[in-house]
Amino acid sequence: MFAVVVTIEAVPGTEATLIEALEGNAAHSRTEPGCLTWEWSRHIDDVSKFAIYEIYASREAFLEHKESKHFASWVKASGPCIKAKEAGQYNILGKDPRVDLPRA
């Protein structure tokens, strides 16, 4: 399995627009056959900071996600809202046996 972790700092005042873009990306991403989970969070103490956590069946499934129309829409909608972003791609080696991901 393959994970993507993204942290985002929003441009002040654009948080609502960013949330709308996150929800749109999440709704479409969760229907992709290779997407096992797609979650986003908002920082407890700093409402301008967000995190995205995605798990895919494979790196290839993630690369297909990046080629989708909804990903392009996400990039366009979120771009003006992002002050800073950091993303990392990871091979999952220590799977939590308590979590039964669909298609995992």
PDB file of N, CA and C in Angstrom:
ATOM      1  N   MET A   1       0.847  -1.188   0.000  1.00  0.00           N
ATOM      2  CA  MET A   1       0.000   0.000   0.000  1.00  0.00           C
ATOM      3  C   MET A   1       0.883   1.239   0.000  1.00  0.00           C
ATOM      4  N   PHE A   2       0.260   2.341  -0.344  1.00  0.00           N
ATOM      5  CA  PHE A   2       0.987   3.581  -0.594  1.00  0.00           C
ATOM      6  C   PHE A   2       0.243   4.739   0.062  1.00  0.00           C
ATOM      7  N   ALA A   3       0.964   5.597   0.778  1.00  0.00           N
ATOM      8  CA  ALA A   3       0.346   6.732   1.477  1.00  0.00           C
ATOM      9  C   ALA A   3       0.898   8.046   0.958  1.00  0.00           C
ATOM     10  N   VAL A   4       0.029   9.048   0.990  1.00  0.00           N
ATOM     11  CA  VAL A   4       0.415  10.413   0.671  1.00  0.00           C
ATOM     12  C   VAL A   4      -0.019  11.274   1.849  1.00  0.00           C
ATOM     13  N   VAL A   5       0.907  12.082   2.356  1.00  0.00           N
ATOM     14  CA  VAL A   5       0.628  12.984   3.470  1.00  0.00           C
ATOM     15  C   VAL A   5       0.952  14.398   3.010  1.00  0.00           C
ATOM     16  N   VAL A   6      -0.027  15.279   3.142  1.00  0.00           N
ATOM     17  CA  VAL A   6       0.133  16.662   2.689  1.00  0.00           C
ATOM     18  C   VAL A   6      -0.228  17.589   3.836  1.00  0.00           C
ATOM     19  N   THR A   7       0.607  18.584   4.094  1.00  0.00           N
ATOM     20  CA  THR A   7       0.250  19.638   5.037  1.00  0.00           C
ATOM     21  C   THR A   7       0.149  20.940   4.252  1.00  0.00           C
ATOM     22  N   ILE A   8      -0.861  21.722   4.616  1.00  0.00           N
ATOM     23  CA  ILE A   8      -1.145  22.967   3.905  1.00  0.00           C
ATOM     24  C   ILE A   8      -1.345  24.083   4.913  1.00  0.00           C
ATOM     25  N   GLU A   9      -0.787  25.245   4.618  1.00  0.00           N
ATOM     26  CA  GLU A   9      -1.102  26.469   5.348  1.00  0.00           C
ATOM     27  C   GLU A   9      -1.863  27.364   4.380  1.00  0.00           C
ATOM     28  N   ALA A  10      -3.068  27.748   4.781  1.00  0.00           N
ATOM     29  CA  ALA A  10      -3.922  28.557   3.918  1.00  0.00           C
ATOM     30  C   ALA A  10      -3.542  30.032   3.982  1.00  0.00           C
ATOM     31  N   VAL A  11      -3.755  30.717   2.885  1.00  0.00           N
ATOM     32  CA  VAL A  11      -3.665  32.173   2.861  1.00  0.00           C
ATOM     33  C   VAL A  11      -4.773  32.678   3.793  1.00  0.00           C
ATOM     34  N   PRO A  12      -4.463  33.591   4.711  1.00  0.00           N
ATOM     35  CA  PRO A  12      -5.496  34.077   5.636  1.00  0.00           C
ATOM     36  C   PRO A  12      -6.741  34.570   4.887  1.00  0.00           C
ATOM     37  N   GLY A  13      -7.892  34.136   5.377  1.00  0.00           N
ATOM     38  CA  GLY A  13      -9.155  34.539   4.786  1.00  0.00           C
ATOM     39  C   GLY A  13      -9.671  33.632   3.679  1.00  0.00           C
ATOM     40  N   THR A  14      -8.862  32.619   3.285  1.00  0.00           N
ATOM     41  CA  THR A  14      -9.289  31.717   2.203  1.00  0.00           C
ATOM     42  C   THR A  14      -9.663  30.329   2.719  1.00  0.00           C
ATOM     43  N   GLU A  15      -9.730  30.167   4.020  1.00  0.00           N
ATOM     44  CA  GLU A  15      -9.959  28.839   4.592  1.00  0.00           C
ATOM     45  C   GLU A  15     -11.262  28.201   4.101  1.00  0.00           C
ATOM     46  N   ALA A  16     -12.343  28.972   4.014  1.00  0.00           N
ATOM     47  CA  ALA A  16     -13.632  28.416   3.578  1.00  0.00           C
ATOM     48  C   ALA A  16     -13.542  27.917   2.129  1.00  0.00           C
ATOM     49  N   THR A  17     -12.859  28.652   1.281  1.00  0.00           N
ATOM     50  CA  THR A  17     -12.683  28.241  -0.112  1.00  0.00           C
ATOM     51  C   THR A  17     -11.831  26.983  -0.183  1.00  0.00           C
ATOM     52  N   LEU A  18     -10.795  26.916   0.630  1.00  0.00           N
ATOM     53  CA  LEU A  18      -9.944  25.730   0.659  1.00  0.00           C
ATOM     54  C   LEU A  18     -10.739  24.515   1.123  1.00  0.00           C
ATOM     55  N   ILE A  19     -11.567  24.677   2.141  1.00  0.00           N
ATOM     56  CA  ILE A  19     -12.391  23.570   2.634  1.00  0.00           C
ATOM     57  C   ILE A  19     -13.330  23.069   1.536  1.00  0.00           C
ATOM     58  N   GLU A  20     -13.909  23.979   0.792  1.00  0.00           N
ATOM     59  CA  GLU A  20     -14.784  23.590  -0.316  1.00  0.00           C
ATOM     60  C   GLU A  20     -14.007  22.776  -1.356  1.00  0.00           C
ATOM     61  N   ALA A  21     -12.796  23.204  -1.657  1.00  0.00           N
ATOM     62  CA  ALA A  21     -11.959  22.479  -2.608  1.00  0.00           C
ATOM     63  C   ALA A  21     -11.553  21.109  -2.050  1.00  0.00           C
ATOM     64  N   LEU A  22     -11.230  21.049  -0.768  1.00  0.00           N
ATOM     65  CA  LEU A  22     -10.895  19.778  -0.126  1.00  0.00           C
ATOM     66  C   LEU A  22     -12.061  18.804  -0.209  1.00  0.00           C
ATOM     67  N   GLU A  23     -13.251  19.281   0.082  1.00  0.00           N
ATOM     68  CA  GLU A  23     -14.439  18.423   0.043  1.00  0.00           C
ATOM     69  C   GLU A  23     -14.702  17.902  -1.367  1.00  0.00           C
ATOM     70  N   GLY A  24     -14.516  18.754  -2.367  1.00  0.00           N
ATOM     71  CA  GLY A  24     -14.696  18.323  -3.744  1.00  0.00           C
ATOM     72  C   GLY A  24     -13.694  17.256  -4.141  1.00  0.00           C
ATOM     73  N   ASN A  25     -12.440  17.460  -3.782  1.00  0.00           N
ATOM     74  CA  ASN A  25     -11.403  16.480  -4.099  1.00  0.00           C
ATOM     75  C   ASN A  25     -11.665  15.173  -3.359  1.00  0.00           C
ATOM     76  N   ALA A  26     -12.040  15.279  -2.096  1.00  0.00           N
ATOM     77  CA  ALA A  26     -12.307  14.079  -1.296  1.00  0.00           C
ATOM     78  C   ALA A  26     -13.451  13.270  -1.886  1.00  0.00           C
ATOM     79  N   ALA A  27     -14.546  13.935  -2.242  1.00  0.00           N
ATOM     80  CA  ALA A  27     -15.730  13.234  -2.746  1.00  0.00           C
ATOM     81  C   ALA A  27     -15.397  12.419  -3.989  1.00  0.00           C
ATOM     82  N   HIS A  28     -14.631  12.988  -4.892  1.00  0.00           N
ATOM     83  CA  HIS A  28     -14.272  12.268  -6.119  1.00  0.00           C
ATOM     84  C   HIS A  28     -13.191  11.217  -5.863  1.00  0.00           C
ATOM     85  N   SER A  29     -12.193  11.570  -5.063  1.00  0.00           N
ATOM     86  CA  SER A  29     -11.086  10.642  -4.801  1.00  0.00           C
ATOM     87  C   SER A  29     -11.582   9.364  -4.154  1.00  0.00           C
ATOM     88  N   ARG A  30     -12.533   9.480  -3.257  1.00  0.00           N
ATOM     89  CA  ARG A  30     -13.049   8.305  -2.531  1.00  0.00           C
ATOM     90  C   ARG A  30     -13.778   7.326  -3.438  1.00  0.00           C
ATOM     91  N   THR A  31     -14.114   7.732  -4.657  1.00  0.00           N
ATOM     92  CA  THR A  31     -14.785   6.815  -5.585  1.00  0.00           C
ATOM     93  C   THR A  31     -13.796   6.092  -6.496  1.00  0.00           C
ATOM     94  N   GLU A  32     -12.535   6.471  -6.466  1.00  0.00           N
ATOM     95  CA  GLU A  32     -11.532   5.828  -7.302  1.00  0.00           C
ATOM     96  C   GLU A  32     -11.269   4.413  -6.791  1.00  0.00           C
ATOM     97  N   PRO A  33     -11.193   3.430  -7.687  1.00  0.00           N
ATOM     98  CA  PRO A  33     -11.009   2.051  -7.236  1.00  0.00           C
ATOM     99  C   PRO A  33      -9.721   1.820  -6.451  1.00  0.00           C
ATOM    100  N   GLY A  34      -8.667   2.563  -6.737  1.00  0.00           N
ATOM    101  CA  GLY A  34      -7.395   2.366  -6.038  1.00  0.00           C
ATOM    102  C   GLY A  34      -7.229   3.181  -4.769  1.00  0.00           C
ATOM    103  N   CYS A  35      -8.213   4.045  -4.465  1.00  0.00           N
ATOM    104  CA  CYS A  35      -8.142   4.876  -3.255  1.00  0.00           C
ATOM    105  C   CYS A  35      -8.797   4.131  -2.098  1.00  0.00           C
ATOM    106  N   LEU A  36      -8.020   3.820  -1.077  1.00  0.00           N
ATOM    107  CA  LEU A  36      -8.527   3.066   0.069  1.00  0.00           C
ATOM    108  C   LEU A  36      -9.075   3.974   1.163  1.00  0.00           C
ATOM    109  N   THR A  37      -8.474   5.148   1.320  1.00  0.00           N
ATOM    110  CA  THR A  37      -8.993   6.148   2.260  1.00  0.00           C
ATOM    111  C   THR A  37      -8.468   7.514   1.851  1.00  0.00           C
ATOM    112  N   TRP A  38      -9.282   8.541   2.121  1.00  0.00           N
ATOM    113  CA  TRP A  38      -8.903   9.920   1.795  1.00  0.00           C
ATOM    114  C   TRP A  38      -9.512  10.802   2.880  1.00  0.00           C
ATOM    115  N   GLU A  39      -8.663  11.334   3.731  1.00  0.00           N
ATOM    116  CA  GLU A  39      -9.124  12.123   4.879  1.00  0.00           C
ATOM    117  C   GLU A  39      -8.408  13.465   4.918  1.00  0.00           C
ATOM    118  N   TRP A  40      -9.114  14.464   5.427  1.00  0.00           N
ATOM    119  CA  TRP A  40      -8.454  15.746   5.666  1.00  0.00           C
ATOM    120  C   TRP A  40      -8.805  16.212   7.062  1.00  0.00           C
ATOM    121  N   SER A  41      -7.908  16.990   7.629  1.00  0.00           N
ATOM    122  CA  SER A  41      -8.068  17.476   8.999  1.00  0.00           C
ATOM    123  C   SER A  41      -7.695  18.950   9.061  1.00  0.00           C
ATOM    124  N   ARG A  42      -8.211  19.603  10.108  1.00  0.00           N
ATOM    125  CA  ARG A  42      -7.862  20.994  10.374  1.00  0.00           C
ATOM    126  C   ARG A  42      -7.177  21.062  11.728  1.00  0.00           C
ATOM    127  N   HIS A  43      -6.112  21.814  11.800  1.00  0.00           N
ATOM    128  CA  HIS A  43      -5.331  21.941  13.035  1.00  0.00           C
ATOM    129  C   HIS A  43      -6.202  22.484  14.161  1.00  0.00           C
ATOM    130  N   ILE A  44      -6.019  21.970  15.342  1.00  0.00           N
ATOM    131  CA  ILE A  44      -6.821  22.363  16.502  1.00  0.00           C
ATOM    132  C   ILE A  44      -6.549  23.797  16.924  1.00  0.00           C
ATOM    133  N   ASP A  45      -5.290  24.206  16.942  1.00  0.00           N
ATOM    134  CA  ASP A  45      -4.922  25.523  17.458  1.00  0.00           C
ATOM    135  C   ASP A  45      -4.707  26.589  16.390  1.00  0.00           C
ATOM    136  N   ASP A  46      -4.493  26.168  15.146  1.00  0.00           N
ATOM    137  CA  ASP A  46      -4.232  27.120  14.067  1.00  0.00           C
ATOM    138  C   ASP A  46      -5.153  26.777  12.899  1.00  0.00           C
ATOM    139  N   VAL A  47      -6.264  27.501  12.788  1.00  0.00           N
ATOM    140  CA  VAL A  47      -7.292  27.170  11.791  1.00  0.00           C
ATOM    141  C   VAL A  47      -6.846  27.404  10.355  1.00  0.00           C
ATOM    142  N   SER A  48      -5.650  27.933  10.147  1.00  0.00           N
ATOM    143  CA  SER A  48      -5.143  28.114   8.787  1.00  0.00           C
ATOM    144  C   SER A  48      -4.348  26.897   8.307  1.00  0.00           C
ATOM    145  N   LYS A  49      -4.170  25.897   9.176  1.00  0.00           N
ATOM    146  CA  LYS A  49      -3.371  24.717   8.826  1.00  0.00           C
ATOM    147  C   LYS A  49      -4.256  23.488   8.657  1.00  0.00           C
ATOM    148  N   PHE A  50      -3.939  22.732   7.589  1.00  0.00           N
ATOM    149  CA  PHE A  50      -4.709  21.546   7.231  1.00  0.00           C
ATOM    150  C   PHE A  50      -3.758  20.403   6.936  1.00  0.00           C
ATOM    151  N   ALA A  51      -4.285  19.186   7.021  1.00  0.00           N
ATOM    152  CA  ALA A  51      -3.518  17.999   6.655  1.00  0.00           C
ATOM    153  C   ALA A  51      -4.413  17.069   5.841  1.00  0.00           C
ATOM    154  N   ILE A  52      -3.826  16.438   4.850  1.00  0.00           N
ATOM    155  CA  ILE A  52      -4.519  15.442   4.034  1.00  0.00           C
ATOM    156  C   ILE A  52      -3.756  14.132   4.198  1.00  0.00           C
ATOM    157  N   TYR A  53      -4.509  13.038   4.376  1.00  0.00           N
ATOM    158  CA  TYR A  53      -3.914  11.713   4.482  1.00  0.00           C
ATOM    159  C   TYR A  53      -4.646  10.786   3.519  1.00  0.00           C
ATOM    160  N   GLU A  54      -3.905  10.243   2.563  1.00  0.00           N
ATOM    161  CA  GLU A  54      -4.492   9.392   1.533  1.00  0.00           C
ATOM    162  C   GLU A  54      -3.780   8.044   1.521  1.00  0.00           C
ATOM    163  N   ILE A  55      -4.542   6.979   1.374  1.00  0.00           N
ATOM    164  CA  ILE A  55      -3.955   5.652   1.211  1.00  0.00           C
ATOM    165  C   ILE A  55      -4.495   5.059  -0.089  1.00  0.00           C
ATOM    166  N   TYR A  56      -3.562   4.562  -0.893  1.00  0.00           N
ATOM    167  CA  TYR A  56      -3.892   3.945  -2.176  1.00  0.00           C
ATOM    168  C   TYR A  56      -3.407   2.505  -2.185  1.00  0.00           C
ATOM    169  N   ALA A  57      -4.027   1.702  -3.023  1.00  0.00           N
ATOM    170  CA  ALA A  57      -3.623   0.303  -3.148  1.00  0.00           C
ATOM    171  C   ALA A  57      -2.196   0.185  -3.675  1.00  0.00           C
ATOM    172  N   SER A  58      -1.771   1.191  -4.463  1.00  0.00           N
ATOM    173  CA  SER A  58      -0.427   1.169  -5.041  1.00  0.00           C
ATOM    174  C   SER A  58      -0.023   2.581  -5.453  1.00  0.00           C
ATOM    175  N   ARG A  59       1.238   2.751  -5.738  1.00  0.00           N
ATOM    176  CA  ARG A  59       1.710   4.046  -6.247  1.00  0.00           C
ATOM    177  C   ARG A  59       1.079   4.335  -7.602  1.00  0.00           C
ATOM    178  N   GLU A  60       0.874   3.308  -8.388  1.00  0.00           N
ATOM    179  CA  GLU A  60       0.248   3.473  -9.699  1.00  0.00           C
ATOM    180  C   GLU A  60      -1.167   4.038  -9.552  1.00  0.00           C
ATOM    181  N   ALA A  61      -1.907   3.572  -8.542  1.00  0.00           N
ATOM    182  CA  ALA A  61      -3.258   4.090  -8.298  1.00  0.00           C
ATOM    183  C   ALA A  61      -3.202   5.576  -7.955  1.00  0.00           C
ATOM    184  N   PHE A  62      -2.190   5.980  -7.184  1.00  0.00           N
ATOM    185  CA  PHE A  62      -2.033   7.394  -6.856  1.00  0.00           C
ATOM    186  C   PHE A  62      -1.701   8.203  -8.107  1.00  0.00           C
ATOM    187  N   LEU A  63      -0.834   7.676  -8.949  1.00  0.00           N
ATOM    188  CA  LEU A  63      -0.480   8.392 -10.176  1.00  0.00           C
ATOM    189  C   LEU A  63      -1.697   8.552 -11.090  1.00  0.00           C
ATOM    190  N   GLU A  64      -2.575   7.553 -11.123  1.00  0.00           N
ATOM    191  CA  GLU A  64      -3.827   7.676 -11.870  1.00  0.00           C
ATOM    192  C   GLU A  64      -4.693   8.784 -11.276  1.00  0.00           C
ATOM    193  N   HIS A  65      -4.733   8.856  -9.955  1.00  0.00           N
ATOM    194  CA  HIS A  65      -5.476   9.912  -9.263  1.00  0.00           C
ATOM    195  C   HIS A  65      -4.980  11.288  -9.712  1.00  0.00           C
ATOM    196  N   LYS A  66      -3.676  11.440  -9.798  1.00  0.00           N
ATOM    197  CA  LYS A  66      -3.095  12.738 -10.181  1.00  0.00           C
ATOM    198  C   LYS A  66      -3.413  13.125 -11.623  1.00  0.00           C
ATOM    199  N   GLU A  67      -3.801  12.172 -12.446  1.00  0.00           N
ATOM    200  CA  GLU A  67      -4.154  12.438 -13.841  1.00  0.00           C
ATOM    201  C   GLU A  67      -5.655  12.696 -14.028  1.00  0.00           C
ATOM    202  N   SER A  68      -6.433  12.610 -12.951  1.00  0.00           N
ATOM    203  CA  SER A  68      -7.890  12.740 -13.058  1.00  0.00           C
ATOM    204  C   SER A  68      -8.325  14.198 -13.249  1.00  0.00           C
ATOM    205  N   LYS A  69      -9.512  14.353 -13.795  1.00  0.00           N
ATOM    206  CA  LYS A  69     -10.076  15.695 -13.980  1.00  0.00           C
ATOM    207  C   LYS A  69     -10.313  16.373 -12.640  1.00  0.00           C
ATOM    208  N   HIS A  70     -10.784  15.613 -11.654  1.00  0.00           N
ATOM    209  CA  HIS A  70     -11.064  16.241 -10.360  1.00  0.00           C
ATOM    210  C   HIS A  70      -9.782  16.686  -9.650  1.00  0.00           C
ATOM    211  N   PHE A  71      -8.664  15.999  -9.897  1.00  0.00           N
ATOM    212  CA  PHE A  71      -7.405  16.460  -9.314  1.00  0.00           C
ATOM    213  C   PHE A  71      -7.001  17.793  -9.940  1.00  0.00           C
ATOM    214  N   ALA A  72      -7.169  17.912 -11.254  1.00  0.00           N
ATOM    215  CA  ALA A  72      -6.874  19.178 -11.931  1.00  0.00           C
ATOM    216  C   ALA A  72      -7.776  20.290 -11.395  1.00  0.00           C
ATOM    217  N   SER A  73      -9.039  19.958 -11.128  1.00  0.00           N
ATOM    218  CA  SER A  73      -9.958  20.950 -10.544  1.00  0.00           C
ATOM    219  C   SER A  73      -9.506  21.359  -9.154  1.00  0.00           C
ATOM    220  N   TRP A  74      -9.028  20.385  -8.370  1.00  0.00           N
ATOM    221  CA  TRP A  74      -8.508  20.662  -7.025  1.00  0.00           C
ATOM    222  C   TRP A  74      -7.321  21.625  -7.095  1.00  0.00           C
ATOM    223  N   VAL A  75      -6.395  21.352  -7.995  1.00  0.00           N
ATOM    224  CA  VAL A  75      -5.210  22.201  -8.133  1.00  0.00           C
ATOM    225  C   VAL A  75      -5.630  23.630  -8.472  1.00  0.00           C
ATOM    226  N   LYS A  76      -6.551  23.773  -9.403  1.00  0.00           N
ATOM    227  CA  LYS A  76      -6.999  25.094  -9.820  1.00  0.00           C
ATOM    228  C   LYS A  76      -7.740  25.824  -8.687  1.00  0.00           C
ATOM    229  N   ALA A  77      -8.632  25.116  -8.006  1.00  0.00           N
ATOM    230  CA  ALA A  77      -9.435  25.748  -6.945  1.00  0.00           C
ATOM    231  C   ALA A  77      -8.616  26.062  -5.700  1.00  0.00           C
ATOM    232  N   SER A  78      -7.684  25.186  -5.359  1.00  0.00           N
ATOM    233  CA  SER A  78      -6.938  25.356  -4.107  1.00  0.00           C
ATOM    234  C   SER A  78      -5.722  26.264  -4.254  1.00  0.00           C
ATOM    235  N   GLY A  79      -5.180  26.366  -5.447  1.00  0.00           N
ATOM    236  CA  GLY A  79      -3.942  27.119  -5.667  1.00  0.00           C
ATOM    237  C   GLY A  79      -3.909  28.498  -5.033  1.00  0.00           C
ATOM    238  N   PRO A  80      -4.925  29.346  -5.275  1.00  0.00           N
ATOM    239  CA  PRO A  80      -4.906  30.688  -4.692  1.00  0.00           C
ATOM    240  C   PRO A  80      -5.043  30.704  -3.160  1.00  0.00           C
ATOM    241  N   CYS A  81      -5.441  29.566  -2.590  1.00  0.00           N
ATOM    242  CA  CYS A  81      -5.662  29.489  -1.143  1.00  0.00           C
ATOM    243  C   CYS A  81      -4.426  29.032  -0.377  1.00  0.00           C
ATOM    244  N   ILE A  82      -3.438  28.519  -1.079  1.00  0.00           N
ATOM    245  CA  ILE A  82      -2.305  27.868  -0.416  1.00  0.00           C
ATOM    246  C   ILE A  82      -1.128  28.830  -0.253  1.00  0.00           C
ATOM    247  N   LYS A  83      -0.799  29.088   1.013  1.00  0.00           N
ATOM    248  CA  LYS A  83       0.372  29.900   1.354  1.00  0.00           C
ATOM    249  C   LYS A  83       1.624  29.024   1.365  1.00  0.00           C
ATOM    250  N   ALA A  84       1.497  27.802   1.919  1.00  0.00           N
ATOM    251  CA  ALA A  84       2.616  26.861   1.984  1.00  0.00           C
ATOM    252  C   ALA A  84       2.055  25.451   1.942  1.00  0.00           C
ATOM    253  N   LYS A  85       2.821  24.558   1.313  1.00  0.00           N
ATOM    254  CA  LYS A  85       2.384  23.162   1.211  1.00  0.00           C
ATOM    255  C   LYS A  85       3.603  22.261   1.232  1.00  0.00           C
ATOM    256  N   GLU A  86       3.474  21.143   1.928  1.00  0.00           N
ATOM    257  CA  GLU A  86       4.514  20.123   1.940  1.00  0.00           C
ATOM    258  C   GLU A  86       3.834  18.779   1.738  1.00  0.00           C
ATOM    259  N   ALA A  87       4.373  17.979   0.830  1.00  0.00           N
ATOM    260  CA  ALA A  87       3.786  16.675   0.539  1.00  0.00           C
ATOM    261  C   ALA A  87       4.862  15.606   0.543  1.00  0.00           C
ATOM    262  N   GLY A  88       4.475  14.423   0.983  1.00  0.00           N
ATOM    263  CA  GLY A  88       5.389  13.293   0.973  1.00  0.00           C
ATOM    264  C   GLY A  88       4.662  12.039   0.543  1.00  0.00           C
ATOM    265  N   GLN A  89       5.401  11.145  -0.116  1.00  0.00           N
ATOM    266  CA  GLN A  89       4.858   9.869  -0.568  1.00  0.00           C
ATOM    267  C   GLN A  89       5.593   8.758   0.172  1.00  0.00           C
ATOM    268  N   TYR A  90       4.820   7.770   0.641  1.00  0.00           N
ATOM    269  CA  TYR A  90       5.381   6.735   1.513  1.00  0.00           C
ATOM    270  C   TYR A  90       4.868   5.350   1.137  1.00  0.00           C
ATOM    271  N   ASN A  91       5.737   4.358   1.212  1.00  0.00           N
ATOM    272  CA  ASN A  91       5.302   2.974   1.153  1.00  0.00           C
ATOM    273  C   ASN A  91       4.903   2.575   2.566  1.00  0.00           C
ATOM    274  N   ILE A  92       3.728   2.027   2.737  1.00  0.00           N
ATOM    275  CA  ILE A  92       3.255   1.624   4.064  1.00  0.00           C
ATOM    276  C   ILE A  92       3.900   0.295   4.416  1.00  0.00           C
ATOM    277  N   LEU A  93       4.658   0.295   5.496  1.00  0.00           N
ATOM    278  CA  LEU A  93       5.362  -0.904   5.938  1.00  0.00           C
ATOM    279  C   LEU A  93       4.803  -1.453   7.244  1.00  0.00           C
ATOM    280  N   GLY A  94       4.240  -0.599   8.071  1.00  0.00           N
ATOM    281  CA  GLY A  94       3.737  -1.017   9.371  1.00  0.00           C
ATOM    282  C   GLY A  94       2.232  -0.846   9.463  1.00  0.00           C
ATOM    283  N   LYS A  95       1.475  -1.696   8.758  1.00  0.00           N
ATOM    284  CA  LYS A  95       0.029  -1.591   8.723  1.00  0.00           C
ATOM    285  C   LYS A  95      -0.573  -1.927  10.080  1.00  0.00           C
ATOM    286  N   ASP A  96      -1.524  -1.118  10.509  1.00  0.00           N
ATOM    287  CA  ASP A  96      -2.244  -1.340  11.765  1.00  0.00           C
ATOM    288  C   ASP A  96      -3.241  -2.486  11.564  1.00  0.00           C
ATOM    289  N   PRO A  97      -3.064  -3.613  12.254  1.00  0.00           N
ATOM    290  CA  PRO A  97      -3.958  -4.755  12.047  1.00  0.00           C
ATOM    291  C   PRO A  97      -5.384  -4.513  12.538  1.00  0.00           C
ATOM    292  N   ARG A  98      -5.594  -3.450  13.315  1.00  0.00           N
ATOM    293  CA  ARG A  98      -6.940  -3.138  13.802  1.00  0.00           C
ATOM    294  C   ARG A  98      -7.799  -2.483  12.749  1.00  0.00           C
ATOM    295  N   VAL A  99      -7.158  -1.963  11.680  1.00  0.00           N
ATOM    296  CA  VAL A  99      -7.867  -1.225  10.643  1.00  0.00           C
ATOM    297  C   VAL A  99      -8.042  -2.127   9.422  1.00  0.00           C
ATOM    298  N   ASP A 100      -9.283  -2.335   9.052  1.00  0.00           N
ATOM    299  CA  ASP A 100      -9.592  -3.166   7.894  1.00  0.00           C
ATOM    300  C   ASP A 100     -10.024  -2.254   6.752  1.00  0.00           C
ATOM    301  N   LEU A 101      -9.033  -1.818   5.968  1.00  0.00           N
ATOM    302  CA  LEU A 101      -9.336  -0.954   4.841  1.00  0.00           C
ATOM    303  C   LEU A 101      -9.947  -1.765   3.718  1.00  0.00           C
ATOM    304  N   PRO A 102     -10.954  -1.222   3.051  1.00  0.00           N
ATOM    305  CA  PRO A 102     -11.542  -1.954   1.926  1.00  0.00           C
ATOM    306  C   PRO A 102     -10.495  -2.145   0.828  1.00  0.00           C
ATOM    307  N   ARG A 103     -10.521  -3.279   0.196  1.00  0.00           N
ATOM    308  CA  ARG A 103      -9.622  -3.601  -0.914  1.00  0.00           C
ATOM    309  C   ARG A 103      -8.151  -3.594  -0.506  1.00  0.00           C
ATOM    310  N   ALA A 104      -7.873  -3.601   0.790  1.00  0.00           N
ATOM    311  CA  ALA A 104      -6.463  -3.568   1.227  1.00  0.00           C
ATOM    312  C   ALA A 104      -5.868  -4.952   1.245  1.00  0.00           C
TER     313      ALA A 104
END
